[in-house]
Amino acid sequence: VPKGLVGESGVPLNKGNIHIAKTSSHNVLKAYSDLFEKDCTLFLRSRSQEMVPGGHMVLVMMGSTRKADSSSNQSCSIWELSGITLNDMVLEGKVEEAKLDSLPFYAPTIEEAKAVIQTEGTFNIHRFETFEADWDCNMDDMSNKGFSFEKPGRGKYVAMSIRVVAESLLVGQFGEEIMDDLFERFSNKIEEYLEVEEGKYTNLIISMTKNG
């Protein structure tokens, strides 16, 4: 989690959110961006030590267009939706409010990712592409492999895919005992959201070679 997310008075700057949301301040966004720059720079330097000059590397990472973080847009990220779910559980006394804090996840923009690679300087970018994928893009494939999703079932499918990725982080923050309830609620939130909005992931694909 980035440093600097607590104000001088001790009040969390991202209070009520586990991730960057419409209500997050510029200072919160900058704290996450600065940490991404630091961590990505360290990653690139570590990989460059393992590679010969001219060696090829392809990175695929979840990115952001920041559209979901605009207060003028009705859409939201999957992580903001999970934060809304947790806030509901706080109001019901099922989750301690003090635990509702930011998680260590950040999706950079194209410009941020390019800037870090170019500033670090050991790799030359050959291709940089982005593509969007629906939250439920592989649902039909999963159904064909024997997984059962009742109609409507998109919320359940998307929540399951996020649980695979994020459950360990959430358990560390909130405890294992609330996970089943959390993801059941989360699946309902997703189902409701997808009835009125499109849910899309933004992915970055970067092809580059080590300088030398």
C-alpha atoms as a PDB file:
ATOM      1  CA  VAL A   1       0.000   0.000   0.000  1.00  0.00           C
ATOM      2  CA  PRO A   2       1.411   3.449  -0.854  1.00  0.00           C
ATOM      3  CA  LYS A   3       2.741   5.697   1.879  1.00  0.00           C
ATOM      4  CA  GLY A   4       1.134   9.070   2.421  1.00  0.00           C
ATOM      5  CA  LEU A   5      -2.492   7.909   2.473  1.00  0.00           C
ATOM      6  CA  VAL A   6      -3.075   9.375   5.925  1.00  0.00           C
ATOM      7  CA  GLY A   7      -3.466  13.132   6.437  1.00  0.00           C
ATOM      8  CA  GLU A   8      -1.762  15.234   9.107  1.00  0.00           C
ATOM      9  CA  SER A   9      -4.809  14.868  11.344  1.00  0.00           C
ATOM     10  CA  GLY A  10      -4.582  11.070  11.117  1.00  0.00           C
ATOM     11  CA  VAL A  11      -7.671  10.715   8.909  1.00  0.00           C
ATOM     12  CA  PRO A  12      -7.226   8.360   5.929  1.00  0.00           C
ATOM     13  CA  LEU A  13      -7.142  10.323   2.653  1.00  0.00           C
ATOM     14  CA  ASN A  14      -8.916   7.475   0.857  1.00  0.00           C
ATOM     15  CA  LYS A  15     -11.436   6.832   3.617  1.00  0.00           C
ATOM     16  CA  GLY A  16     -14.149   4.385   2.659  1.00  0.00           C
ATOM     17  CA  ASN A  17     -12.332   3.076  -0.432  1.00  0.00           C
ATOM     18  CA  ILE A  18     -10.126   0.031  -0.877  1.00  0.00           C
ATOM     19  CA  HIS A  19      -8.883   1.368  -4.200  1.00  0.00           C
ATOM     20  CA  ILE A  20      -8.872   4.523  -6.347  1.00  0.00           C
ATOM     21  CA  ALA A  21     -12.455   5.687  -6.788  1.00  0.00           C
ATOM     22  CA  LYS A  22     -14.395   8.737  -7.959  1.00  0.00           C
ATOM     23  CA  THR A  23     -14.101  10.228  -4.478  1.00  0.00           C
ATOM     24  CA  SER A  24     -10.324   9.696  -4.227  1.00  0.00           C
ATOM     25  CA  SER A  25      -8.234  12.861  -4.102  1.00  0.00           C
ATOM     26  CA  HIS A  26      -5.326  13.823  -6.364  1.00  0.00           C
ATOM     27  CA  ASN A  27      -2.928  13.024  -3.487  1.00  0.00           C
ATOM     28  CA  VAL A  28      -4.234   9.454  -3.343  1.00  0.00           C
ATOM     29  CA  LEU A  29      -3.811   9.010  -7.102  1.00  0.00           C
ATOM     30  CA  LYS A  30      -0.273  10.425  -6.926  1.00  0.00           C
ATOM     31  CA  ALA A  31       0.666   8.128  -4.043  1.00  0.00           C
ATOM     32  CA  TYR A  32      -0.398   5.073  -6.044  1.00  0.00           C
ATOM     33  CA  SER A  33       1.309   6.369  -9.204  1.00  0.00           C
ATOM     34  CA  ASP A  34       4.582   7.043  -7.366  1.00  0.00           C
ATOM     35  CA  LEU A  35       4.579   3.540  -5.873  1.00  0.00           C
ATOM     36  CA  PHE A  36       3.922   2.011  -9.299  1.00  0.00           C
ATOM     37  CA  GLU A  37       6.881   3.945 -10.727  1.00  0.00           C
ATOM     38  CA  LYS A  38       9.148   2.721  -7.928  1.00  0.00           C
ATOM     39  CA  ASP A  39       8.051  -0.924  -8.110  1.00  0.00           C
ATOM     40  CA  CYS A  40       8.035  -1.101 -11.922  1.00  0.00           C
ATOM     41  CA  THR A  41      11.504   0.441 -12.105  1.00  0.00           C
ATOM     42  CA  LEU A  42      12.817  -2.177  -9.682  1.00  0.00           C
ATOM     43  CA  PHE A  43      11.129  -4.933 -11.712  1.00  0.00           C
ATOM     44  CA  LEU A  44      12.699  -3.734 -14.979  1.00  0.00           C
ATOM     45  CA  ARG A  45      16.173  -3.457 -13.453  1.00  0.00           C
ATOM     46  CA  SER A  46      15.900  -6.937 -11.982  1.00  0.00           C
ATOM     47  CA  ARG A  47      14.799  -8.455 -15.297  1.00  0.00           C
ATOM     48  CA  SER A  48      17.536  -6.618 -17.224  1.00  0.00           C
ATOM     49  CA  GLN A  49      20.170  -8.291 -15.030  1.00  0.00           C
ATOM     50  CA  GLU A  50      18.829 -11.693 -16.104  1.00  0.00           C
ATOM     51  CA  MET A  51      18.765 -10.950 -19.838  1.00  0.00           C
ATOM     52  CA  VAL A  52      21.401 -10.717 -22.549  1.00  0.00           C
ATOM     53  CA  PRO A  53      21.573  -7.605 -24.754  1.00  0.00           C
ATOM     54  CA  GLY A  54      18.897  -7.869 -27.425  1.00  0.00           C
ATOM     55  CA  GLY A  55      16.818 -10.221 -25.263  1.00  0.00           C
ATOM     56  CA  HIS A  56      13.079  -9.942 -25.836  1.00  0.00           C
ATOM     57  CA  MET A  57      10.431  -9.506 -23.147  1.00  0.00           C
ATOM     58  CA  VAL A  58       6.651  -9.160 -23.423  1.00  0.00           C
ATOM     59  CA  LEU A  59       4.635  -7.744 -20.537  1.00  0.00           C
ATOM     60  CA  VAL A  60       0.878  -8.013 -20.163  1.00  0.00           C
ATOM     61  CA  MET A  61      -0.717  -6.052 -17.345  1.00  0.00           C
ATOM     62  CA  MET A  62      -4.051  -4.628 -16.364  1.00  0.00           C
ATOM     63  CA  GLY A  63      -4.183  -0.947 -17.220  1.00  0.00           C
ATOM     64  CA  SER A  64      -6.525   1.999 -16.982  1.00  0.00           C
ATOM     65  CA  THR A  65      -7.928   4.745 -19.163  1.00  0.00           C
ATOM     66  CA  ARG A  66      -8.994   6.638 -16.010  1.00  0.00           C
ATOM     67  CA  LYS A  67     -12.527   6.816 -17.483  1.00  0.00           C
ATOM     68  CA  ALA A  68     -13.796   4.838 -14.533  1.00  0.00           C
ATOM     69  CA  ASP A  69     -12.254   7.341 -12.123  1.00  0.00           C
ATOM     70  CA  SER A  70     -13.918  10.389 -13.666  1.00  0.00           C
ATOM     71  CA  SER A  71     -16.637  11.973 -11.580  1.00  0.00           C
ATOM     72  CA  SER A  72     -18.480  12.792 -14.804  1.00  0.00           C
ATOM     73  CA  ASN A  73     -18.742   9.133 -15.795  1.00  0.00           C
ATOM     74  CA  GLN A  74     -21.290   6.686 -14.360  1.00  0.00           C
ATOM     75  CA  SER A  75     -19.077   3.645 -14.859  1.00  0.00           C
ATOM     76  CA  CYS A  76     -16.805   2.247 -12.165  1.00  0.00           C
ATOM     77  CA  SER A  77     -13.930  -0.184 -11.908  1.00  0.00           C
ATOM     78  CA  ILE A  78     -14.386  -3.711 -10.598  1.00  0.00           C
ATOM     79  CA  TRP A  79     -12.358  -2.729  -7.528  1.00  0.00           C
ATOM     80  CA  GLU A  80     -14.561   0.270  -6.790  1.00  0.00           C
ATOM     81  CA  LEU A  81     -17.577  -2.026  -6.938  1.00  0.00           C
ATOM     82  CA  SER A  82     -15.938  -4.381  -4.418  1.00  0.00           C
ATOM     83  CA  GLY A  83     -15.333  -1.376  -2.166  1.00  0.00           C
ATOM     84  CA  ILE A  84     -19.019  -0.454  -2.323  1.00  0.00           C
ATOM     85  CA  THR A  85     -19.855  -4.009  -1.271  1.00  0.00           C
ATOM     86  CA  LEU A  86     -17.486  -3.814   1.696  1.00  0.00           C
ATOM     87  CA  ASN A  87     -18.950  -0.453   2.708  1.00  0.00           C
ATOM     88  CA  ASP A  88     -22.376  -2.068   2.871  1.00  0.00           C
ATOM     89  CA  MET A  89     -20.943  -4.693   5.230  1.00  0.00           C
ATOM     90  CA  VAL A  90     -19.396  -1.949   7.383  1.00  0.00           C
ATOM     91  CA  LEU A  91     -22.807  -0.297   7.750  1.00  0.00           C
ATOM     92  CA  GLU A  92     -24.248  -3.643   8.861  1.00  0.00           C
ATOM     93  CA  GLY A  93     -21.477  -4.159  11.411  1.00  0.00           C
ATOM     94  CA  LYS A  94     -20.031  -7.176   9.590  1.00  0.00           C
ATOM     95  CA  VAL A  95     -16.708  -5.465   8.795  1.00  0.00           C
ATOM     96  CA  GLU A  96     -14.721  -3.067  10.997  1.00  0.00           C
ATOM     97  CA  GLU A  97     -14.557   0.384   9.438  1.00  0.00           C
ATOM     98  CA  ALA A  98     -10.905   0.717  10.452  1.00  0.00           C
ATOM     99  CA  LYS A  99     -10.045  -2.211   8.175  1.00  0.00           C
ATOM    100  CA  LEU A 100     -11.581  -0.549   5.146  1.00  0.00           C
ATOM    101  CA  ASP A 101      -8.312   0.771   3.773  1.00  0.00           C
ATOM    102  CA  SER A 102      -6.545   0.825   0.417  1.00  0.00           C
ATOM    103  CA  LEU A 103      -5.233  -2.396  -1.087  1.00  0.00           C
ATOM    104  CA  PRO A 104      -1.898  -2.721  -2.961  1.00  0.00           C
ATOM    105  CA  PHE A 105      -3.275  -2.746  -6.502  1.00  0.00           C
ATOM    106  CA  TYR A 106      -2.769  -0.140  -9.213  1.00  0.00           C
ATOM    107  CA  ALA A 107      -3.626  -0.144 -12.916  1.00  0.00           C
ATOM    108  CA  PRO A 108      -1.406   2.354 -14.780  1.00  0.00           C
ATOM    109  CA  THR A 109      -2.364   4.354 -17.830  1.00  0.00           C
ATOM    110  CA  ILE A 110      -0.554   3.874 -21.141  1.00  0.00           C
ATOM    111  CA  GLU A 111       1.362   7.097 -20.562  1.00  0.00           C
ATOM    112  CA  GLU A 112       2.498   6.070 -17.066  1.00  0.00           C
ATOM    113  CA  ALA A 113       3.752   2.655 -18.192  1.00  0.00           C
ATOM    114  CA  LYS A 114       5.628   4.121 -21.176  1.00  0.00           C
ATOM    115  CA  ALA A 115       7.198   6.848 -19.051  1.00  0.00           C
ATOM    116  CA  VAL A 116       8.554   4.384 -16.481  1.00  0.00           C
ATOM    117  CA  ILE A 117      10.092   2.121 -19.143  1.00  0.00           C
ATOM    118  CA  GLN A 118      11.665   5.038 -21.003  1.00  0.00           C
ATOM    119  CA  THR A 119      12.995   6.676 -17.826  1.00  0.00           C
ATOM    120  CA  GLU A 120      14.467   3.419 -16.487  1.00  0.00           C
ATOM    121  CA  GLY A 121      16.294   3.162 -19.805  1.00  0.00           C
ATOM    122  CA  THR A 122      17.451  -0.450 -20.124  1.00  0.00           C
ATOM    123  CA  PHE A 123      14.705  -1.532 -22.543  1.00  0.00           C
ATOM    124  CA  ASN A 124      13.588  -0.327 -25.964  1.00  0.00           C
ATOM    125  CA  ILE A 125       9.843  -0.501 -26.660  1.00  0.00           C
ATOM    126  CA  HIS A 126       8.960  -2.088 -30.015  1.00  0.00           C
ATOM    127  CA  ARG A 127       5.186  -2.360 -29.724  1.00  0.00           C
ATOM    128  CA  PHE A 128       2.719  -1.047 -27.190  1.00  0.00           C
ATOM    129  CA  GLU A 129      -0.912  -2.041 -27.574  1.00  0.00           C
ATOM    130  CA  THR A 130      -4.062  -1.906 -25.495  1.00  0.00           C
ATOM    131  CA  PHE A 131      -7.241  -3.910 -25.698  1.00  0.00           C
ATOM    132  CA  GLU A 132     -10.461  -4.048 -23.732  1.00  0.00           C
ATOM    133  CA  ALA A 133     -12.172  -7.207 -22.540  1.00  0.00           C
ATOM    134  CA  ASP A 134     -15.610  -7.597 -21.013  1.00  0.00           C
ATOM    135  CA  TRP A 135     -15.657  -8.642 -17.373  1.00  0.00           C
ATOM    136  CA  ASP A 136     -17.550 -11.773 -18.416  1.00  0.00           C
ATOM    137  CA  CYS A 137     -15.669 -12.335 -21.701  1.00  0.00           C
ATOM    138  CA  ASN A 138     -14.808 -16.034 -21.083  1.00  0.00           C
ATOM    139  CA  MET A 139     -18.116 -17.052 -19.554  1.00  0.00           C
ATOM    140  CA  ASP A 140     -19.302 -19.057 -22.573  1.00  0.00           C
ATOM    141  CA  ASP A 141     -15.996 -20.975 -22.703  1.00  0.00           C
ATOM    142  CA  MET A 142     -16.276 -21.840 -19.005  1.00  0.00           C
ATOM    143  CA  SER A 143     -19.854 -23.059 -19.487  1.00  0.00           C
ATOM    144  CA  ASN A 144     -18.681 -25.323 -22.320  1.00  0.00           C
ATOM    145  CA  LYS A 145     -16.102 -26.866 -19.948  1.00  0.00           C
ATOM    146  CA  GLY A 146     -18.753 -28.001 -17.490  1.00  0.00           C
ATOM    147  CA  PHE A 147     -19.121 -24.994 -15.172  1.00  0.00           C
ATOM    148  CA  SER A 148     -22.745 -24.118 -14.502  1.00  0.00           C
ATOM    149  CA  PHE A 149     -24.015 -20.525 -14.411  1.00  0.00           C
ATOM    150  CA  GLU A 150     -27.743 -19.981 -14.076  1.00  0.00           C
ATOM    151  CA  LYS A 151     -29.395 -17.123 -15.920  1.00  0.00           C
ATOM    152  CA  PRO A 152     -28.682 -14.456 -14.867  1.00  0.00           C
ATOM    153  CA  GLY A 153     -25.184 -15.656 -13.939  1.00  0.00           C
ATOM    154  CA  ARG A 154     -22.704 -13.043 -15.117  1.00  0.00           C
ATOM    155  CA  GLY A 155     -22.294 -11.597 -11.634  1.00  0.00           C
ATOM    156  CA  LYS A 156     -21.440 -14.986 -10.185  1.00  0.00           C
ATOM    157  CA  TYR A 157     -18.895 -15.675 -12.931  1.00  0.00           C
ATOM    158  CA  VAL A 158     -17.146 -12.299 -12.631  1.00  0.00           C
ATOM    159  CA  ALA A 159     -17.078 -12.467  -8.827  1.00  0.00           C
ATOM    160  CA  MET A 160     -15.541 -15.950  -9.008  1.00  0.00           C
ATOM    161  CA  SER A 161     -12.785 -14.747 -11.341  1.00  0.00           C
ATOM    162  CA  ILE A 162     -11.963 -11.822  -9.034  1.00  0.00           C
ATOM    163  CA  ARG A 163     -11.982 -14.133  -6.010  1.00  0.00           C
ATOM    164  CA  VAL A 164      -9.257 -16.254  -7.604  1.00  0.00           C
ATOM    165  CA  VAL A 165      -7.073 -13.161  -8.030  1.00  0.00           C
ATOM    166  CA  ALA A 166      -7.810 -11.113  -4.917  1.00  0.00           C
ATOM    167  CA  GLU A 167      -8.982 -13.425  -2.132  1.00  0.00           C
ATOM    168  CA  SER A 168      -5.560 -13.725  -0.494  1.00  0.00           C
ATOM    169  CA  LEU A 169      -5.287  -9.925  -0.276  1.00  0.00           C
ATOM    170  CA  LEU A 170      -8.797  -9.609   1.105  1.00  0.00           C
ATOM    171  CA  VAL A 171      -8.306 -12.388   3.659  1.00  0.00           C
ATOM    172  CA  GLY A 172      -5.202 -10.623   4.970  1.00  0.00           C
ATOM    173  CA  GLN A 173      -7.189  -7.414   5.406  1.00  0.00           C
ATOM    174  CA  PHE A 174     -10.622  -8.614   6.525  1.00  0.00           C
ATOM    175  CA  GLY A 175     -10.298 -12.250   7.624  1.00  0.00           C
ATOM    176  CA  GLU A 176     -11.383 -15.486   5.991  1.00  0.00           C
ATOM    177  CA  GLU A 177     -14.720 -15.768   7.791  1.00  0.00           C
ATOM    178  CA  ILE A 178     -16.461 -13.065   5.699  1.00  0.00           C
ATOM    179  CA  MET A 179     -15.277 -14.231   2.270  1.00  0.00           C
ATOM    180  CA  ASP A 180     -18.304 -16.318   1.257  1.00  0.00           C
ATOM    181  CA  ASP A 181     -20.712 -13.568   2.302  1.00  0.00           C
ATOM    182  CA  LEU A 182     -18.583 -10.870   0.662  1.00  0.00           C
ATOM    183  CA  PHE A 183     -18.392 -12.566  -2.719  1.00  0.00           C
ATOM    184  CA  GLU A 184     -22.069 -13.516  -2.694  1.00  0.00           C
ATOM    185  CA  ARG A 185     -22.912  -9.842  -2.167  1.00  0.00           C
ATOM    186  CA  PHE A 186     -20.274  -8.821  -4.697  1.00  0.00           C
ATOM    187  CA  SER A 187     -21.783 -11.082  -7.357  1.00  0.00           C
ATOM    188  CA  ASN A 188     -25.177  -9.454  -6.807  1.00  0.00           C
ATOM    189  CA  LYS A 189     -23.651  -5.968  -7.138  1.00  0.00           C
ATOM    190  CA  ILE A 190     -21.946  -6.971 -10.383  1.00  0.00           C
ATOM    191  CA  GLU A 191     -25.166  -8.475 -11.753  1.00  0.00           C
ATOM    192  CA  GLU A 192     -27.038  -5.241 -11.037  1.00  0.00           C
ATOM    193  CA  TYR A 193     -24.260  -3.111 -12.509  1.00  0.00           C
ATOM    194  CA  LEU A 194     -24.050  -5.113 -15.749  1.00  0.00           C
ATOM    195  CA  GLU A 195     -27.761  -4.641 -16.280  1.00  0.00           C
ATOM    196  CA  VAL A 196     -27.205  -0.926 -16.881  1.00  0.00           C
ATOM    197  CA  GLU A 197     -23.472  -0.497 -17.701  1.00  0.00           C
ATOM    198  CA  GLU A 198     -20.710  -2.273 -19.596  1.00  0.00           C
ATOM    199  CA  GLY A 199     -17.970  -3.738 -17.445  1.00  0.00           C
ATOM    200  CA  LYS A 200     -14.595  -3.766 -19.194  1.00  0.00           C
ATOM    201  CA  TYR A 201     -10.984  -4.446 -18.267  1.00  0.00           C
ATOM    202  CA  THR A 202      -8.241  -2.467 -20.001  1.00  0.00           C
ATOM    203  CA  ASN A 203      -5.093  -4.506 -20.721  1.00  0.00           C
ATOM    204  CA  LEU A 204      -1.647  -3.287 -21.759  1.00  0.00           C
ATOM    205  CA  ILE A 205       0.686  -5.387 -23.940  1.00  0.00           C
ATOM    206  CA  ILE A 206       4.290  -4.204 -24.192  1.00  0.00           C
ATOM    207  CA  SER A 207       6.926  -5.807 -26.434  1.00  0.00           C
ATOM    208  CA  MET A 208      10.497  -4.656 -25.768  1.00  0.00           C
ATOM    209  CA  THR A 209      14.151  -5.679 -25.996  1.00  0.00           C
ATOM    210  CA  LYS A 210      17.069  -5.084 -23.682  1.00  0.00           C
ATOM    211  CA  ASN A 211      19.420  -2.363 -24.867  1.00  0.00           C
ATOM    212  CA  GLY A 212      23.043  -3.201 -25.415  1.00  0.00           C
END
